Amino acid sequence: MAEDKKKDVETRHASSGKDKKKVDDKSADVKVEKKDNVETRPAGASNASSAKEKSVKEEKGIKNLEELPEDVVKKMDKRKAEAKKLKSKKKAAKKKKKASKRVSVGKAYIKSTYNNTIVTLTDIQGNVLSWASAGIAGFRGPKKSTPYAAQIITRIAVGKAREEYGLQEVSVFIRGVGTGRESAVRALNNNGLIVTSIKDITPIPHNGCRPKKPRRV
């Protein structure tokens, strides 16, 4: 009887071992099939896809434009939100938007005074494409006439003109003797516009008006 029991235990162990082998073989076959089903991509495929995505982003954006500071962007967004609220309150008749024309060559007028700087971009006929002043960028008080403010507002005006009209070349006309003259002209070039000429049109009196009488102190 003892011998028969030993034989039964041995046969059970043998059958269980066979079952384990079958299960292992099946799992191995499944793993091999999964590996075969996986698409083999070349090493440079991921790099190529990332390069394509970058190129698409560059096409959507505009090249050679300087980035605006975060505080200026926040102020401009706030102004846009306020303008939208005002427009929503006014129930005016909707007008069809005219198709934006492409203007590659134009003029840049920089008015730089002791108190403010205003940059206006126009086409050759003088029709305004875009403009910006220190107040739009959120500058207040004596900061409005600084060279930094002139640089920022030039970036804003150039961004609008290039995005909507595709402006490329510009001839510059400067008026005034403020501190933002030179930085505004440099900013035009730094933001991707080709400056073909620079002309100073500051009005100069040729003994025109009678000067104010001197104070008696």
C-alpha atoms as a PDB file:
ATOM      1  CA  MET A   1       0.000   0.000   0.000  1.00  0.00           C
ATOM      2  CA  ALA A   2       2.833   2.380   0.889  1.00  0.00           C
ATOM      3  CA  GLU A   3       4.499   1.738  -2.468  1.00  0.00           C
ATOM      4  CA  ASP A   4       1.227   2.509  -4.315  1.00  0.00           C
ATOM      5  CA  LYS A   5       0.907   5.816  -2.415  1.00  0.00           C
ATOM      6  CA  LYS A   6       4.494   6.798  -3.346  1.00  0.00           C
ATOM      7  CA  LYS A   7       3.787   6.048  -7.021  1.00  0.00           C
ATOM      8  CA  ASP A   8       0.609   8.215  -6.941  1.00  0.00           C
ATOM      9  CA  VAL A   9       2.528  11.162  -5.396  1.00  0.00           C
ATOM     10  CA  GLU A  10       5.328  10.847  -8.018  1.00  0.00           C
ATOM     11  CA  THR A  11       2.836  10.796 -10.896  1.00  0.00           C
ATOM     12  CA  ARG A  12       1.077  13.886  -9.473  1.00  0.00           C
ATOM     13  CA  HIS A  13       4.386  15.783  -9.186  1.00  0.00           C
ATOM     14  CA  ALA A  14       5.313  14.826 -12.752  1.00  0.00           C
ATOM     15  CA  SER A  15       1.945  15.967 -14.137  1.00  0.00           C
ATOM     16  CA  SER A  16       2.135  19.287 -12.245  1.00  0.00           C
ATOM     17  CA  GLY A  17       5.655  19.877 -13.610  1.00  0.00           C
ATOM     18  CA  LYS A  18       4.412  19.293 -17.163  1.00  0.00           C
ATOM     19  CA  ASP A  19       1.532  21.728 -16.614  1.00  0.00           C
ATOM     20  CA  LYS A  20       3.988  24.398 -15.376  1.00  0.00           C
ATOM     21  CA  LYS A  21       6.161  23.888 -18.450  1.00  0.00           C
ATOM     22  CA  LYS A  22       3.126  24.307 -20.721  1.00  0.00           C
ATOM     23  CA  VAL A  23       2.115  27.535 -18.941  1.00  0.00           C
ATOM     24  CA  ASP A  24       5.691  28.873 -19.213  1.00  0.00           C
ATOM     25  CA  ASP A  25       5.792  28.009 -22.925  1.00  0.00           C
ATOM     26  CA  LYS A  26       2.468  29.794 -23.526  1.00  0.00           C
ATOM     27  CA  SER A  27       3.619  32.933 -21.678  1.00  0.00           C
ATOM     28  CA  ALA A  28       6.862  32.913 -23.658  1.00  0.00           C
ATOM     29  CA  ASP A  29       4.878  32.636 -26.935  1.00  0.00           C
ATOM     30  CA  VAL A  30       2.672  35.543 -25.881  1.00  0.00           C
ATOM     31  CA  LYS A  31       5.719  37.700 -25.071  1.00  0.00           C
ATOM     32  CA  VAL A  32       7.309  36.881 -28.429  1.00  0.00           C
ATOM     33  CA  GLU A  33       4.063  37.790 -30.249  1.00  0.00           C
ATOM     34  CA  LYS A  34       3.888  41.103 -28.390  1.00  0.00           C
ATOM     35  CA  LYS A  35       7.461  41.918 -29.358  1.00  0.00           C
ATOM     36  CA  ASP A  36       6.690  41.043 -32.977  1.00  0.00           C
ATOM     37  CA  ASN A  37       3.597  43.276 -32.951  1.00  0.00           C
ATOM     38  CA  VAL A  38       5.509  46.304 -31.619  1.00  0.00           C
ATOM     39  CA  GLU A  39       6.354  48.746 -34.421  1.00  0.00           C
ATOM     40  CA  THR A  40      10.070  49.117 -34.739  1.00  0.00           C
ATOM     41  CA  ARG A  41      10.922  52.821 -35.076  1.00  0.00           C
ATOM     42  CA  PRO A  42      14.372  54.009 -36.110  1.00  0.00           C
ATOM     43  CA  ALA A  43      16.396  55.964 -33.581  1.00  0.00           C
ATOM     44  CA  GLY A  44      16.096  59.223 -35.511  1.00  0.00           C
ATOM     45  CA  ALA A  45      12.303  59.024 -35.863  1.00  0.00           C
ATOM     46  CA  SER A  46      11.612  60.689 -32.505  1.00  0.00           C
ATOM     47  CA  ASN A  47      14.103  63.455 -33.295  1.00  0.00           C
ATOM     48  CA  ALA A  48      12.490  64.004 -36.693  1.00  0.00           C
ATOM     49  CA  SER A  49       9.007  64.250 -35.181  1.00  0.00           C
ATOM     50  CA  SER A  50      10.195  66.744 -32.561  1.00  0.00           C
ATOM     51  CA  ALA A  51      11.904  68.790 -35.292  1.00  0.00           C
ATOM     52  CA  LYS A  52       8.653  68.844 -37.298  1.00  0.00           C
ATOM     53  CA  GLU A  53       6.715  70.048 -34.249  1.00  0.00           C
ATOM     54  CA  LYS A  54       9.268  72.818 -33.687  1.00  0.00           C
ATOM     55  CA  SER A  55       9.048  73.913 -37.329  1.00  0.00           C
ATOM     56  CA  VAL A  56       5.247  74.042 -37.100  1.00  0.00           C
ATOM     57  CA  LYS A  57       5.487  76.200 -33.988  1.00  0.00           C
ATOM     58  CA  GLU A  58       7.943  78.534 -35.738  1.00  0.00           C
ATOM     59  CA  GLU A  59       5.637  78.832 -38.741  1.00  0.00           C
ATOM     60  CA  LYS A  60       2.700  79.761 -36.501  1.00  0.00           C
ATOM     61  CA  GLY A  61       4.756  82.331 -34.595  1.00  0.00           C
ATOM     62  CA  ILE A  62       6.856  85.158 -36.013  1.00  0.00           C
ATOM     63  CA  LYS A  63      10.619  84.835 -36.098  1.00  0.00           C
ATOM     64  CA  ASN A  64      13.151  87.386 -34.783  1.00  0.00           C
ATOM     65  CA  LEU A  65      10.756  88.992 -32.295  1.00  0.00           C
ATOM     66  CA  GLU A  66      11.970  89.804 -28.806  1.00  0.00           C
ATOM     67  CA  GLU A  67       9.974  88.399 -25.872  1.00  0.00           C
ATOM     68  CA  LEU A  68       7.985  90.878 -23.813  1.00  0.00           C
ATOM     69  CA  PRO A  69       8.473  91.008 -20.026  1.00  0.00           C
ATOM     70  CA  GLU A  70       5.841  89.197 -17.951  1.00  0.00           C
ATOM     71  CA  ASP A  71       4.592  92.330 -16.181  1.00  0.00           C
ATOM     72  CA  VAL A  72       4.023  94.111 -19.516  1.00  0.00           C
ATOM     73  CA  VAL A  73       2.164  91.063 -20.912  1.00  0.00           C
ATOM     74  CA  LYS A  74      -0.086  90.943 -17.819  1.00  0.00           C
ATOM     75  CA  LYS A  75      -0.908  94.652 -18.113  1.00  0.00           C
ATOM     76  CA  MET A  76      -1.727  94.301 -21.813  1.00  0.00           C
ATOM     77  CA  ASP A  77      -3.972  91.275 -21.148  1.00  0.00           C
ATOM     78  CA  LYS A  78      -5.763  93.252 -18.451  1.00  0.00           C
ATOM     79  CA  ARG A  79      -6.367  96.135 -20.888  1.00  0.00           C
ATOM     80  CA  LYS A  80      -7.684  93.698 -23.522  1.00  0.00           C
ATOM     81  CA  ALA A  81     -10.089  92.149 -21.008  1.00  0.00           C
ATOM     82  CA  GLU A  82     -11.407  95.599 -20.045  1.00  0.00           C
ATOM     83  CA  ALA A  83     -11.841  96.532 -23.718  1.00  0.00           C
ATOM     84  CA  LYS A  84     -13.793  93.314 -24.340  1.00  0.00           C
ATOM     85  CA  LYS A  85     -16.125  94.111 -21.444  1.00  0.00           C
ATOM     86  CA  LEU A  86     -16.806  97.575 -22.852  1.00  0.00           C
ATOM     87  CA  LYS A  87     -17.501  96.125 -26.303  1.00  0.00           C
ATOM     88  CA  SER A  88     -19.895  93.552 -24.879  1.00  0.00           C
ATOM     89  CA  LYS A  89     -21.840  96.297 -23.098  1.00  0.00           C
ATOM     90  CA  LYS A  90     -22.237  98.266 -26.316  1.00  0.00           C
ATOM     91  CA  LYS A  91     -24.730  96.532 -28.602  1.00  0.00           C
ATOM     92  CA  ALA A  92     -23.504  97.827 -31.929  1.00  0.00           C
ATOM     93  CA  ALA A  93     -24.294  96.316 -35.303  1.00  0.00           C
ATOM     94  CA  LYS A  94     -21.774  93.692 -36.390  1.00  0.00           C
ATOM     95  CA  LYS A  95     -19.603  94.712 -39.300  1.00  0.00           C
ATOM     96  CA  LYS A  96     -17.858  92.336 -41.670  1.00  0.00           C
ATOM     97  CA  LYS A  97     -14.107  92.311 -41.272  1.00  0.00           C
ATOM     98  CA  LYS A  98     -12.203  93.414 -44.318  1.00  0.00           C
ATOM     99  CA  ALA A  99      -9.619  91.010 -45.682  1.00  0.00           C
ATOM    100  CA  SER A 100      -6.237  92.152 -44.371  1.00  0.00           C
ATOM    101  CA  LYS A 101      -3.939  93.272 -47.156  1.00  0.00           C
ATOM    102  CA  ARG A 102      -0.256  92.337 -47.276  1.00  0.00           C
ATOM    103  CA  VAL A 103       2.151  95.260 -46.868  1.00  0.00           C
ATOM    104  CA  SER A 104       5.833  94.377 -47.076  1.00  0.00           C
ATOM    105  CA  VAL A 105       7.271  97.937 -47.306  1.00  0.00           C
ATOM    106  CA  GLY A 106       6.185 100.815 -45.103  1.00  0.00           C
ATOM    107  CA  LYS A 107       7.184 103.740 -42.901  1.00  0.00           C
ATOM    108  CA  ALA A 108       7.898 104.084 -39.175  1.00  0.00           C
ATOM    109  CA  TYR A 109       7.212 107.355 -37.383  1.00  0.00           C
ATOM    110  CA  ILE A 110       8.845 107.768 -33.963  1.00  0.00           C
ATOM    111  CA  LYS A 111       7.691 110.727 -31.885  1.00  0.00           C
ATOM    112  CA  SER A 112       9.961 111.063 -28.865  1.00  0.00           C
ATOM    113  CA  THR A 113       9.306 113.890 -26.405  1.00  0.00           C
ATOM    114  CA  TYR A 114      10.433 114.594 -22.854  1.00  0.00           C
ATOM    115  CA  ASN A 115       7.198 113.057 -21.522  1.00  0.00           C
ATOM    116  CA  ASN A 116       6.303 110.167 -23.860  1.00  0.00           C
ATOM    117  CA  THR A 117       7.274 108.076 -26.889  1.00  0.00           C
ATOM    118  CA  ILE A 118       4.843 107.081 -29.663  1.00  0.00           C
ATOM    119  CA  VAL A 119       5.697 104.617 -32.473  1.00  0.00           C
ATOM    120  CA  THR A 120       3.446 104.462 -35.552  1.00  0.00           C
ATOM    121  CA  LEU A 121       3.890 102.041 -38.478  1.00  0.00           C
ATOM    122  CA  THR A 122       2.174 102.912 -41.784  1.00  0.00           C
ATOM    123  CA  ASP A 123       2.176 101.832 -45.400  1.00  0.00           C
ATOM    124  CA  ILE A 124       3.793 103.971 -48.114  1.00  0.00           C
ATOM    125  CA  GLN A 125       0.626 106.087 -48.522  1.00  0.00           C
ATOM    126  CA  GLY A 126       0.557 106.863 -44.790  1.00  0.00           C
ATOM    127  CA  ASN A 127      -2.326 104.582 -43.750  1.00  0.00           C
ATOM    128  CA  VAL A 128      -1.736 103.397 -40.184  1.00  0.00           C
ATOM    129  CA  LEU A 129      -1.015  99.680 -39.758  1.00  0.00           C
ATOM    130  CA  SER A 130      -0.215  99.652 -36.035  1.00  0.00           C
ATOM    131  CA  TRP A 131       0.862 102.003 -33.267  1.00  0.00           C
ATOM    132  CA  ALA A 132       1.897 101.894 -29.638  1.00  0.00           C
ATOM    133  CA  SER A 133       2.665 104.317 -26.846  1.00  0.00           C
ATOM    134  CA  ALA A 134       4.201 104.011 -23.391  1.00  0.00           C
ATOM    135  CA  GLY A 135       0.761 104.130 -21.750  1.00  0.00           C
ATOM    136  CA  ILE A 136      -0.389 101.017 -23.655  1.00  0.00           C
ATOM    137  CA  ALA A 137       2.524  99.020 -22.219  1.00  0.00           C
ATOM    138  CA  GLY A 138       1.575 100.091 -18.684  1.00  0.00           C
ATOM    139  CA  PHE A 139       4.263 102.728 -18.043  1.00  0.00           C
ATOM    140  CA  ARG A 140       3.251 105.643 -15.844  1.00  0.00           C
ATOM    141  CA  GLY A 141       4.790 108.995 -14.923  1.00  0.00           C
ATOM    142  CA  PRO A 142       8.478 109.622 -15.639  1.00  0.00           C
ATOM    143  CA  LYS A 143       8.978 106.018 -16.824  1.00  0.00           C
ATOM    144  CA  LYS A 144       7.065 106.796 -20.031  1.00  0.00           C
ATOM    145  CA  SER A 145       9.962 108.717 -21.565  1.00  0.00           C
ATOM    146  CA  THR A 146      12.708 106.153 -20.794  1.00  0.00           C
ATOM    147  CA  PRO A 147      14.643 104.259 -23.493  1.00  0.00           C
ATOM    148  CA  TYR A 148      13.375 100.958 -22.041  1.00  0.00           C
ATOM    149  CA  ALA A 149       9.764 102.035 -22.573  1.00  0.00           C
ATOM    150  CA  ALA A 150      10.588 103.005 -26.173  1.00  0.00           C
ATOM    151  CA  GLN A 151      12.089  99.547 -26.762  1.00  0.00           C
ATOM    152  CA  ILE A 152       9.011  97.756 -25.388  1.00  0.00           C
ATOM    153  CA  ILE A 153       6.437  99.800 -27.319  1.00  0.00           C
ATOM    154  CA  THR A 154       8.408  99.356 -30.558  1.00  0.00           C
ATOM    155  CA  ARG A 155       8.261  95.592 -30.004  1.00  0.00           C
ATOM    156  CA  ILE A 156       4.463  95.789 -29.523  1.00  0.00           C
ATOM    157  CA  ALA A 157       3.898  97.871 -32.683  1.00  0.00           C
ATOM    158  CA  VAL A 158       6.195  95.711 -34.827  1.00  0.00           C
ATOM    159  CA  GLY A 159       4.537  92.516 -33.593  1.00  0.00           C
ATOM    160  CA  LYS A 160       1.083  93.742 -34.650  1.00  0.00           C
ATOM    161  CA  ALA A 161       2.265  94.958 -38.069  1.00  0.00           C
ATOM    162  CA  ARG A 162       4.183  91.774 -38.880  1.00  0.00           C
ATOM    163  CA  GLU A 163       1.398  89.474 -37.700  1.00  0.00           C
ATOM    164  CA  GLU A 164      -1.484  91.192 -39.503  1.00  0.00           C
ATOM    165  CA  TYR A 165       0.187  92.698 -42.586  1.00  0.00           C
ATOM    166  CA  GLY A 166       3.567  90.940 -43.010  1.00  0.00           C
ATOM    167  CA  LEU A 167       5.626  94.122 -42.805  1.00  0.00           C
ATOM    168  CA  GLN A 168       9.316  93.582 -43.656  1.00  0.00           C
ATOM    169  CA  GLU A 169      11.044  96.821 -44.682  1.00  0.00           C
ATOM    170  CA  VAL A 170      10.605 100.255 -43.210  1.00  0.00           C
ATOM    171  CA  SER A 171      11.984 103.781 -43.598  1.00  0.00           C
ATOM    172  CA  VAL A 172      12.206 105.656 -40.282  1.00  0.00           C
ATOM    173  CA  PHE A 173      11.159 109.236 -39.570  1.00  0.00           C
ATOM    174  CA  ILE A 174      12.107 110.622 -36.144  1.00  0.00           C
ATOM    175  CA  ARG A 175      10.459 113.636 -34.539  1.00  0.00           C
ATOM    176  CA  GLY A 176      11.444 115.120 -31.184  1.00  0.00           C
ATOM    177  CA  VAL A 177      14.459 115.180 -28.888  1.00  0.00           C
ATOM    178  CA  GLY A 178      13.410 112.704 -26.187  1.00  0.00           C
ATOM    179  CA  THR A 179      15.562 109.953 -24.697  1.00  0.00           C
ATOM    180  CA  GLY A 180      13.733 107.128 -26.529  1.00  0.00           C
ATOM    181  CA  ARG A 181      14.860 108.055 -30.052  1.00  0.00           C
ATOM    182  CA  GLU A 182      17.842 105.758 -30.519  1.00  0.00           C
ATOM    183  CA  SER A 183      16.493 102.782 -28.578  1.00  0.00           C
ATOM    184  CA  ALA A 184      13.300 102.800 -30.687  1.00  0.00           C
ATOM    185  CA  VAL A 185      15.290 102.691 -33.946  1.00  0.00           C
ATOM    186  CA  ARG A 186      17.478  99.862 -32.601  1.00  0.00           C
ATOM    187  CA  ALA A 187      14.378  97.956 -31.492  1.00  0.00           C
ATOM    188  CA  LEU A 188      12.949  98.128 -35.036  1.00  0.00           C
ATOM    189  CA  ASN A 189      16.035  96.366 -36.345  1.00  0.00           C
ATOM    190  CA  ASN A 190      16.203  93.873 -33.459  1.00  0.00           C
ATOM    191  CA  ASN A 191      12.606  92.761 -34.059  1.00  0.00           C
ATOM    192  CA  GLY A 192      13.163  91.659 -37.655  1.00  0.00           C
ATOM    193  CA  LEU A 193      12.424  94.796 -39.699  1.00  0.00           C
ATOM    194  CA  ILE A 194      14.897  95.981 -42.331  1.00  0.00           C
ATOM    195  CA  VAL A 195      15.617  99.694 -41.821  1.00  0.00           C
ATOM    196  CA  THR A 196      16.330 101.225 -45.240  1.00  0.00           C
ATOM    197  CA  SER A 197      16.668 104.903 -44.217  1.00  0.00           C
ATOM    198  CA  ILE A 198      16.542 107.168 -41.158  1.00  0.00           C
ATOM    199  CA  LYS A 199      15.428 110.792 -41.406  1.00  0.00           C
ATOM    200  CA  ASP A 200      15.108 113.409 -38.662  1.00  0.00           C
ATOM    201  CA  ILE A 201      12.000 115.555 -39.175  1.00  0.00           C
ATOM    202  CA  THR A 202      12.153 117.456 -35.875  1.00  0.00           C
ATOM    203  CA  PRO A 203      10.702 120.945 -36.488  1.00  0.00           C
ATOM    204  CA  ILE A 204      13.320 123.674 -36.085  1.00  0.00           C
ATOM    205  CA  PRO A 205      12.315 127.337 -35.815  1.00  0.00           C
ATOM    206  CA  HIS A 206      14.113 129.735 -38.196  1.00  0.00           C
ATOM    207  CA  ASN A 207      13.468 132.721 -35.909  1.00  0.00           C
ATOM    208  CA  GLY A 208       9.760 132.222 -36.438  1.00  0.00           C
ATOM    209  CA  CYS A 209       7.952 132.965 -33.174  1.00  0.00           C
ATOM    210  CA  ARG A 210       8.968 135.701 -30.794  1.00  0.00           C
ATOM    211  CA  PRO A 211      10.665 134.198 -27.705  1.00  0.00           C
ATOM    212  CA  LYS A 212       9.228 134.676 -24.254  1.00  0.00           C
ATOM    213  CA  LYS A 213      10.609 137.680 -22.382  1.00  0.00           C
ATOM    214  CA  PRO A 214      13.166 136.824 -19.672  1.00  0.00           C
ATOM    215  CA  ARG A 215      12.067 136.755 -16.050  1.00  0.00           C
ATOM    216  CA  ARG A 216      13.123 139.562 -13.729  1.00  0.00           C
ATOM    217  CA  VAL A 217      14.714 137.974 -10.687  1.00  0.00           C
END
